[in-house]
């Protein structure tokens, strides 16, 4: 797939997600699509998991929007960078955000198959999101990445 087509698909996905239009976003995704969000420690595979993941994300960030400002591709992978703007709401992350809109740089890696997006790895700095949302990064990390219960002495 050529770079312009990859960017066209990535831009269409950005627009759909910025409108919180889950059906439109899912139409751009390959049936084997894998979404990885390392800052949240999450991975969603296939249409059903991605539908749930997107709906959960938009419940936590109802005004999410993303702009893609630049990109590079090698014919198989597209990397894009830009800015996500969003307001953290609810208690999903074990904290009570103060309702301020955050603006964080993002880096997104896309792969493609059969003229659809086959994979997305969505990177941003969790500490920046937390600071701008008025919540403790440590508290959010404890919710996202709980430590195993200590089972005895060494």
N, C-alpha and C. Protein backbone atom coordinates (compact mmCIF):
# COMPACT_ATOMS: atom_id res chain seq x y z
N UNK A 1 0.85 -1.17 0.00
CA UNK A 1 0.00 0.00 0.00
C UNK A 1 0.89 1.23 0.00
N UNK A 2 0.49 2.25 -0.73
CA UNK A 2 1.32 3.44 -0.80
C UNK A 2 1.02 4.39 0.37
N UNK A 3 1.99 5.27 0.62
CA UNK A 3 1.90 6.20 1.74
C UNK A 3 0.66 7.08 1.74
N UNK A 4 0.28 7.66 0.59
CA UNK A 4 -0.93 8.50 0.60
C UNK A 4 -2.19 7.72 1.00
N UNK A 5 -2.34 6.46 0.55
CA UNK A 5 -3.51 5.68 0.93
C UNK A 5 -3.48 5.35 2.42
N UNK A 6 -2.29 5.02 2.94
CA UNK A 6 -2.18 4.75 4.37
C UNK A 6 -2.60 5.98 5.18
N UNK A 7 -2.12 7.16 4.76
CA UNK A 7 -2.46 8.38 5.49
C UNK A 7 -3.95 8.70 5.34
N UNK A 8 -4.52 8.41 4.18
CA UNK A 8 -5.96 8.63 3.99
C UNK A 8 -6.77 7.80 5.00
N UNK A 9 -6.40 6.54 5.17
CA UNK A 9 -7.10 5.68 6.12
C UNK A 9 -6.87 6.15 7.56
N UNK A 10 -5.63 6.51 7.89
CA UNK A 10 -5.34 6.98 9.25
C UNK A 10 -6.10 8.27 9.55
N UNK A 11 -6.15 9.17 8.57
CA UNK A 11 -6.87 10.44 8.77
C UNK A 11 -8.37 10.18 8.92
N UNK A 12 -8.91 9.27 8.14
CA UNK A 12 -10.34 8.93 8.26
C UNK A 12 -10.63 8.35 9.65
N UNK A 13 -9.72 7.54 10.18
CA UNK A 13 -9.90 6.99 11.52
C UNK A 13 -9.83 8.10 12.56
N UNK A 14 -8.91 9.03 12.39
CA UNK A 14 -8.80 10.16 13.32
C UNK A 14 -10.09 10.98 13.34
N UNK A 15 -10.66 11.21 12.17
CA UNK A 15 -11.91 11.97 12.08
C UNK A 15 -13.04 11.21 12.76
N UNK A 16 -13.16 9.92 12.48
CA UNK A 16 -14.22 9.11 13.10
C UNK A 16 -14.09 9.10 14.62
N UNK A 17 -12.87 8.92 15.12
CA UNK A 17 -12.67 8.91 16.57
C UNK A 17 -12.91 10.29 17.17
N UNK A 18 -12.56 11.34 16.46
CA UNK A 18 -12.80 12.69 16.97
C UNK A 18 -14.29 13.00 17.05
N UNK A 19 -15.09 12.30 16.27
CA UNK A 19 -16.55 12.44 16.35
C UNK A 19 -17.16 11.40 17.29
N UNK A 20 -16.32 10.55 17.89
CA UNK A 20 -16.76 9.44 18.72
C UNK A 20 -17.74 8.55 17.94
N UNK A 21 -17.48 8.39 16.65
CA UNK A 21 -18.32 7.60 15.76
C UNK A 21 -17.74 6.19 15.66
N UNK A 22 -18.13 5.34 16.59
CA UNK A 22 -17.57 3.99 16.66
C UNK A 22 -17.87 3.18 15.41
N UNK A 23 -19.12 3.18 14.88
CA UNK A 23 -19.37 2.41 13.66
C UNK A 23 -18.48 2.85 12.49
N UNK A 24 -18.29 4.15 12.32
CA UNK A 24 -17.43 4.64 11.23
C UNK A 24 -15.99 4.20 11.44
N UNK A 25 -15.53 4.25 12.67
CA UNK A 25 -14.16 3.81 12.97
C UNK A 25 -14.00 2.32 12.67
N UNK A 26 -14.96 1.52 13.10
CA UNK A 26 -14.86 0.07 12.90
C UNK A 26 -14.86 -0.31 11.42
N UNK A 27 -15.53 0.46 10.59
CA UNK A 27 -15.55 0.16 9.14
C UNK A 27 -14.16 0.30 8.50
N UNK A 28 -13.27 1.04 9.13
CA UNK A 28 -11.93 1.24 8.59
C UNK A 28 -10.94 0.17 9.04
N UNK A 29 -11.40 -0.70 9.94
CA UNK A 29 -10.51 -1.66 10.57
C UNK A 29 -10.66 -3.06 9.99
N UNK A 30 -9.53 -3.71 9.80
CA UNK A 30 -9.50 -5.10 9.34
C UNK A 30 -10.11 -5.98 10.43
N UNK A 31 -10.77 -7.09 10.06
CA UNK A 31 -11.35 -7.98 11.07
C UNK A 31 -10.34 -8.49 12.12
N UNK A 32 -9.07 -8.53 11.76
CA UNK A 32 -8.03 -8.98 12.69
C UNK A 32 -7.34 -7.80 13.39
N UNK A 33 -7.94 -6.62 13.32
CA UNK A 33 -7.35 -5.40 13.88
C UNK A 33 -6.96 -5.57 15.34
N UNK A 34 -5.77 -5.06 15.68
CA UNK A 34 -5.28 -5.05 17.06
C UNK A 34 -4.96 -3.62 17.45
N UNK A 35 -5.58 -3.16 18.53
CA UNK A 35 -5.33 -1.83 19.08
C UNK A 35 -4.54 -1.99 20.37
N UNK A 36 -3.37 -1.38 20.42
CA UNK A 36 -2.53 -1.39 21.62
C UNK A 36 -2.38 0.03 22.12
N UNK A 37 -2.61 0.22 23.41
CA UNK A 37 -2.42 1.53 24.04
C UNK A 37 -1.48 1.30 25.23
N UNK A 38 -0.15 1.29 24.98
CA UNK A 38 0.80 1.00 26.05
C UNK A 38 0.66 1.87 27.30
N UNK A 39 0.35 3.18 27.19
CA UNK A 39 0.21 3.95 28.42
C UNK A 39 -0.91 3.44 29.34
N UNK A 40 -1.93 2.82 28.77
CA UNK A 40 -3.02 2.24 29.57
C UNK A 40 -2.82 0.74 29.81
N UNK A 41 -1.82 0.14 29.15
CA UNK A 41 -1.59 -1.30 29.29
C UNK A 41 -2.70 -2.14 28.68
N UNK A 42 -3.33 -1.63 27.62
CA UNK A 42 -4.46 -2.35 27.04
C UNK A 42 -4.17 -2.81 25.62
N UNK A 43 -4.82 -3.93 25.26
CA UNK A 43 -4.79 -4.47 23.91
C UNK A 43 -6.19 -4.97 23.60
N UNK A 44 -6.72 -4.60 22.43
CA UNK A 44 -8.03 -5.09 21.98
C UNK A 44 -7.83 -5.73 20.62
N UNK A 45 -8.43 -6.92 20.46
CA UNK A 45 -8.29 -7.68 19.21
C UNK A 45 -9.67 -7.93 18.61
N UNK A 46 -9.80 -7.69 17.32
CA UNK A 46 -11.03 -8.00 16.61
C UNK A 46 -12.13 -6.98 16.83
N UNK A 47 -13.20 -7.10 16.07
CA UNK A 47 -14.28 -6.10 16.09
C UNK A 47 -14.97 -5.94 17.44
N UNK A 48 -15.33 -7.02 18.10
CA UNK A 48 -16.08 -6.90 19.36
C UNK A 48 -15.25 -6.23 20.45
N UNK A 49 -14.01 -6.67 20.62
CA UNK A 49 -13.14 -6.06 21.65
C UNK A 49 -12.87 -4.60 21.33
N UNK A 50 -12.67 -4.27 20.05
CA UNK A 50 -12.39 -2.89 19.69
C UNK A 50 -13.62 -2.00 19.85
N UNK A 51 -14.80 -2.54 19.57
CA UNK A 51 -16.03 -1.79 19.82
C UNK A 51 -16.11 -1.44 21.31
N UNK A 52 -15.90 -2.43 22.17
CA UNK A 52 -15.96 -2.19 23.63
C UNK A 52 -14.86 -1.21 24.06
N UNK A 53 -13.66 -1.38 23.54
CA UNK A 53 -12.55 -0.51 23.93
C UNK A 53 -12.81 0.94 23.54
N UNK A 54 -13.31 1.14 22.32
CA UNK A 54 -13.59 2.52 21.88
C UNK A 54 -14.71 3.14 22.71
N UNK A 55 -15.76 2.40 22.95
CA UNK A 55 -16.89 2.94 23.75
C UNK A 55 -16.44 3.26 25.18
N UNK A 56 -15.60 2.41 25.73
CA UNK A 56 -15.08 2.67 27.08
C UNK A 56 -14.18 3.91 27.08
N UNK A 57 -13.34 4.02 26.07
CA UNK A 57 -12.46 5.19 25.96
C UNK A 57 -13.28 6.47 25.84
N UNK A 58 -14.30 6.47 24.98
CA UNK A 58 -15.11 7.67 24.80
C UNK A 58 -15.96 7.98 26.02
N UNK A 59 -16.30 6.99 26.83
CA UNK A 59 -16.99 7.25 28.09
C UNK A 59 -16.06 7.98 29.06
N UNK A 60 -14.77 7.64 29.01
CA UNK A 60 -13.78 8.29 29.88
C UNK A 60 -13.33 9.64 29.33
N UNK A 61 -13.36 9.81 28.01
CA UNK A 61 -12.90 11.03 27.34
C UNK A 61 -13.94 11.45 26.30
N UNK A 62 -15.10 11.96 26.72
CA UNK A 62 -16.21 12.20 25.79
C UNK A 62 -15.97 13.30 24.75
N UNK A 63 -14.99 14.14 24.98
CA UNK A 63 -14.71 15.21 24.00
C UNK A 63 -13.41 14.96 23.24
N UNK A 64 -12.96 13.72 23.20
CA UNK A 64 -11.70 13.36 22.55
C UNK A 64 -11.66 13.85 21.11
N UNK A 65 -10.54 14.44 20.75
CA UNK A 65 -10.27 14.76 19.35
C UNK A 65 -8.77 14.66 19.14
N UNK A 66 -8.41 14.27 17.93
CA UNK A 66 -7.00 14.12 17.61
C UNK A 66 -6.73 14.76 16.25
N UNK A 67 -5.59 15.41 16.15
CA UNK A 67 -5.13 15.93 14.86
C UNK A 67 -3.81 15.24 14.55
N UNK A 68 -3.67 14.84 13.30
CA UNK A 68 -2.43 14.23 12.82
C UNK A 68 -1.67 15.30 12.06
N UNK A 69 -0.49 15.64 12.55
CA UNK A 69 0.26 16.77 12.00
C UNK A 69 1.39 16.36 11.06
N UNK A 70 1.82 15.12 11.15
CA UNK A 70 2.90 14.66 10.28
C UNK A 70 2.91 13.16 10.21
N UNK A 71 3.64 12.63 9.24
CA UNK A 71 3.69 11.18 9.09
C UNK A 71 4.90 10.76 8.26
N UNK A 72 5.21 9.48 8.36
CA UNK A 72 6.24 8.86 7.53
C UNK A 72 5.80 7.41 7.32
N UNK A 73 6.19 6.85 6.18
CA UNK A 73 5.82 5.46 5.92
C UNK A 73 6.93 4.77 5.15
N UNK A 74 6.90 3.44 5.23
CA UNK A 74 7.88 2.64 4.50
C UNK A 74 7.20 1.65 3.55
N UNK A 75 5.92 1.84 3.28
CA UNK A 75 5.18 0.94 2.41
C UNK A 75 4.43 -0.14 3.16
N UNK A 76 4.81 -0.41 4.41
CA UNK A 76 4.12 -1.42 5.22
C UNK A 76 3.55 -0.81 6.50
N UNK A 77 4.25 0.18 7.01
CA UNK A 77 3.88 0.80 8.27
C UNK A 77 3.82 2.31 8.08
N UNK A 78 2.88 2.93 8.76
CA UNK A 78 2.77 4.38 8.79
C UNK A 78 2.94 4.82 10.23
N UNK A 79 3.77 5.80 10.45
CA UNK A 79 3.83 6.43 11.76
C UNK A 79 3.33 7.86 11.59
N UNK A 80 2.56 8.29 12.55
CA UNK A 80 1.99 9.62 12.50
C UNK A 80 2.12 10.25 13.87
N UNK A 81 2.19 11.55 13.90
CA UNK A 81 2.28 12.27 15.17
C UNK A 81 1.35 13.46 15.10
N UNK A 82 0.94 13.87 16.27
CA UNK A 82 0.01 14.99 16.35
C UNK A 82 -0.33 15.29 17.79
N UNK A 83 -1.57 15.74 17.99
CA UNK A 83 -2.02 16.19 19.31
C UNK A 83 -3.40 15.62 19.59
N UNK A 84 -3.56 15.09 20.79
CA UNK A 84 -4.87 14.66 21.26
C UNK A 84 -5.33 15.67 22.32
N UNK A 85 -6.60 16.02 22.23
CA UNK A 85 -7.23 16.91 23.21
C UNK A 85 -8.39 16.14 23.82
N UNK A 86 -8.46 16.13 25.15
CA UNK A 86 -9.49 15.32 25.80
C UNK A 86 -9.65 15.72 27.26
N UNK A 87 -10.84 15.50 27.77
CA UNK A 87 -11.13 15.76 29.17
C UNK A 87 -11.40 14.42 29.86
N UNK A 88 -10.61 14.10 30.86
CA UNK A 88 -10.80 12.87 31.62
C UNK A 88 -12.04 13.04 32.50
N UNK A 89 -12.94 12.05 32.45
CA UNK A 89 -14.14 12.08 33.27
C UNK A 89 -14.32 10.74 33.97
N UNK A 90 -15.22 10.71 34.93
CA UNK A 90 -15.54 9.46 35.60
C UNK A 90 -14.45 9.00 36.54
N UNK A 91 -14.58 7.75 36.97
CA UNK A 91 -13.63 7.20 37.95
C UNK A 91 -12.92 5.96 37.43
N UNK A 92 -12.93 5.76 36.12
CA UNK A 92 -12.30 4.57 35.53
C UNK A 92 -10.86 4.37 36.00
N UNK A 93 -10.15 5.46 36.20
CA UNK A 93 -8.73 5.38 36.52
C UNK A 93 -8.47 5.46 38.02
N UNK A 94 -9.53 5.36 38.84
CA UNK A 94 -9.36 5.36 40.29
C UNK A 94 -9.09 6.73 40.88
N UNK A 95 -9.38 7.78 40.13
CA UNK A 95 -9.15 9.15 40.59
C UNK A 95 -10.36 10.00 40.23
N UNK A 96 -10.38 11.22 40.73
CA UNK A 96 -11.46 12.15 40.42
C UNK A 96 -10.88 13.36 39.71
N UNK A 97 -10.92 13.36 38.36
CA UNK A 97 -10.33 14.47 37.60
C UNK A 97 -11.10 15.76 37.83
N UNK A 98 -10.42 16.88 37.63
CA UNK A 98 -11.03 18.18 37.89
C UNK A 98 -11.77 18.75 36.68
N UNK A 99 -11.83 18.00 35.59
CA UNK A 99 -12.63 18.42 34.45
C UNK A 99 -11.95 19.38 33.49
N UNK A 100 -10.64 19.48 33.57
CA UNK A 100 -9.93 20.36 32.65
C UNK A 100 -9.47 19.57 31.43
N UNK A 101 -9.55 20.22 30.29
CA UNK A 101 -9.17 19.57 29.03
C UNK A 101 -7.64 19.49 28.92
N UNK A 102 -7.17 18.31 28.59
CA UNK A 102 -5.73 18.08 28.42
C UNK A 102 -5.39 18.12 26.93
N UNK A 103 -4.17 18.51 26.66
CA UNK A 103 -3.65 18.53 25.29
C UNK A 103 -2.29 17.84 25.33
N UNK A 104 -2.22 16.65 24.71
CA UNK A 104 -1.00 15.85 24.80
C UNK A 104 -0.49 15.46 23.42
N UNK A 105 0.82 15.49 23.24
CA UNK A 105 1.38 14.98 21.99
C UNK A 105 1.14 13.47 21.90
N UNK A 106 0.90 13.00 20.67
CA UNK A 106 0.69 11.57 20.44
C UNK A 106 1.57 11.11 19.29
N UNK A 107 1.87 9.83 19.33
CA UNK A 107 2.61 9.15 18.28
C UNK A 107 1.85 7.86 18.01
N UNK A 108 1.49 7.61 16.75
CA UNK A 108 0.66 6.46 16.42
C UNK A 108 1.33 5.65 15.31
N UNK A 109 1.44 4.36 15.51
CA UNK A 109 1.99 3.45 14.51
C UNK A 109 0.84 2.61 13.95
N UNK A 110 0.70 2.62 12.64
CA UNK A 110 -0.36 1.87 11.97
C UNK A 110 0.24 0.81 11.07
N UNK A 111 -0.44 -0.34 10.98
CA UNK A 111 -0.15 -1.35 9.97
C UNK A 111 -1.44 -1.59 9.18
N UNK A 112 -1.31 -2.21 8.01
CA UNK A 112 -2.44 -2.32 7.08
C UNK A 112 -2.51 -3.72 6.48
N UNK A 113 -3.74 -4.09 6.09
CA UNK A 113 -3.96 -5.36 5.41
C UNK A 113 -5.27 -5.25 4.63
N UNK A 114 -5.25 -5.70 3.40
CA UNK A 114 -6.46 -5.71 2.57
C UNK A 114 -7.13 -4.35 2.46
N UNK A 115 -6.33 -3.30 2.34
CA UNK A 115 -6.82 -1.92 2.20
C UNK A 115 -7.60 -1.44 3.43
N UNK A 116 -7.25 -1.99 4.58
CA UNK A 116 -7.85 -1.57 5.85
C UNK A 116 -6.73 -1.42 6.88
N UNK A 117 -7.04 -0.80 8.00
CA UNK A 117 -6.06 -0.67 9.08
C UNK A 117 -6.07 -1.97 9.88
N UNK A 118 -4.90 -2.59 9.99
CA UNK A 118 -4.79 -3.89 10.67
C UNK A 118 -4.27 -3.74 12.10
N UNK A 119 -3.60 -2.64 12.39
CA UNK A 119 -3.06 -2.46 13.73
C UNK A 119 -2.83 -1.00 14.03
N UNK A 120 -2.98 -0.67 15.30
CA UNK A 120 -2.70 0.69 15.78
C UNK A 120 -2.04 0.57 17.14
N UNK A 121 -0.91 1.25 17.29
CA UNK A 121 -0.25 1.39 18.59
C UNK A 121 -0.26 2.87 18.90
N UNK A 122 -0.96 3.24 19.98
CA UNK A 122 -1.24 4.63 20.32
C UNK A 122 -0.42 5.02 21.54
N UNK A 123 0.54 5.92 21.34
CA UNK A 123 1.46 6.33 22.41
C UNK A 123 1.22 7.79 22.81
N UNK A 124 1.27 8.03 24.11
CA UNK A 124 1.27 9.39 24.66
C UNK A 124 1.88 9.29 26.05
N UNK A 125 2.18 10.43 26.63
CA UNK A 125 2.78 10.45 27.95
C UNK A 125 1.67 10.50 29.00
N UNK A 126 1.51 9.42 29.74
CA UNK A 126 0.47 9.33 30.75
C UNK A 126 0.63 10.41 31.83
N UNK A 127 1.86 10.71 32.20
CA UNK A 127 2.09 11.73 33.23
C UNK A 127 1.60 13.10 32.78
N UNK A 128 1.78 13.42 31.51
CA UNK A 128 1.30 14.70 30.98
C UNK A 128 -0.23 14.74 31.02
N UNK A 129 -0.87 13.66 30.59
CA UNK A 129 -2.33 13.59 30.65
C UNK A 129 -2.82 13.76 32.09
N UNK A 130 -2.20 13.06 33.02
CA UNK A 130 -2.61 13.14 34.43
C UNK A 130 -2.39 14.53 35.00
N UNK A 131 -1.24 15.13 34.75
CA UNK A 131 -0.96 16.47 35.28
C UNK A 131 -1.97 17.48 34.78
N UNK A 132 -2.28 17.42 33.49
CA UNK A 132 -3.23 18.39 32.93
C UNK A 132 -4.67 18.09 33.37
N UNK A 133 -4.93 16.86 33.79
CA UNK A 133 -6.27 16.48 34.26
C UNK A 133 -6.42 16.67 35.77
N UNK A 134 -5.32 17.06 36.42
CA UNK A 134 -5.36 17.32 37.86
C UNK A 134 -5.44 16.08 38.72
N UNK A 135 -4.84 14.99 38.24
CA UNK A 135 -4.87 13.74 39.00
C UNK A 135 -3.46 13.21 39.20
N UNK A 136 -3.32 12.35 40.16
CA UNK A 136 -2.03 11.76 40.47
C UNK A 136 -1.67 10.68 39.45
N UNK A 137 -0.53 10.82 38.83
CA UNK A 137 -0.05 9.80 37.91
C UNK A 137 0.16 8.48 38.65
N UNK A 138 0.70 8.54 39.86
CA UNK A 138 0.93 7.32 40.64
C UNK A 138 -0.39 6.60 40.92
N UNK A 139 -1.44 7.34 41.27
CA UNK A 139 -2.73 6.71 41.55
C UNK A 139 -3.30 6.06 40.29
N UNK A 140 -3.18 6.74 39.16
CA UNK A 140 -3.68 6.17 37.90
C UNK A 140 -2.88 4.92 37.55
N UNK A 141 -1.57 4.98 37.70
CA UNK A 141 -0.74 3.80 37.40
C UNK A 141 -1.10 2.62 38.30
N UNK A 142 -1.38 2.90 39.58
CA UNK A 142 -1.78 1.81 40.48
C UNK A 142 -3.08 1.16 40.01
N UNK A 143 -3.99 1.95 39.45
CA UNK A 143 -5.25 1.41 38.94
C UNK A 143 -5.01 0.62 37.66
N UNK A 144 -4.20 1.17 36.76
CA UNK A 144 -3.95 0.52 35.47
C UNK A 144 -3.04 -0.69 35.58
N UNK A 145 -2.07 -0.62 36.48
CA UNK A 145 -1.05 -1.66 36.59
C UNK A 145 -0.92 -2.10 38.05
N UNK A 146 -1.95 -2.76 38.58
CA UNK A 146 -1.89 -3.16 40.00
C UNK A 146 -0.74 -4.14 40.25
N UNK A 147 -0.12 -3.96 41.38
CA UNK A 147 0.95 -4.88 41.77
C UNK A 147 0.35 -6.18 42.26
N UNK A 148 1.01 -7.30 41.98
CA UNK A 148 0.48 -8.59 42.48
C UNK A 148 0.50 -8.58 44.01
N UNK A 149 -0.46 -9.26 44.56
CA UNK A 149 -0.51 -9.36 46.03
C UNK A 149 0.72 -10.09 46.52
N UNK A 150 1.25 -9.59 47.58
CA UNK A 150 2.42 -10.22 48.20
C UNK A 150 1.96 -11.51 48.88
N UNK A 151 2.58 -12.61 48.53
CA UNK A 151 2.13 -13.90 49.04
C UNK A 151 3.03 -14.54 50.07
N UNK A 152 3.85 -13.82 50.72
CA UNK A 152 4.70 -14.44 51.73
C UNK A 152 6.06 -13.81 51.78
N UNK A 153 6.93 -14.39 52.50
CA UNK A 153 8.28 -13.83 52.65
C UNK A 153 9.26 -14.60 51.79
N UNK A 154 10.35 -13.95 51.55
CA UNK A 154 11.38 -14.55 50.71
C UNK A 154 12.36 -15.32 51.53
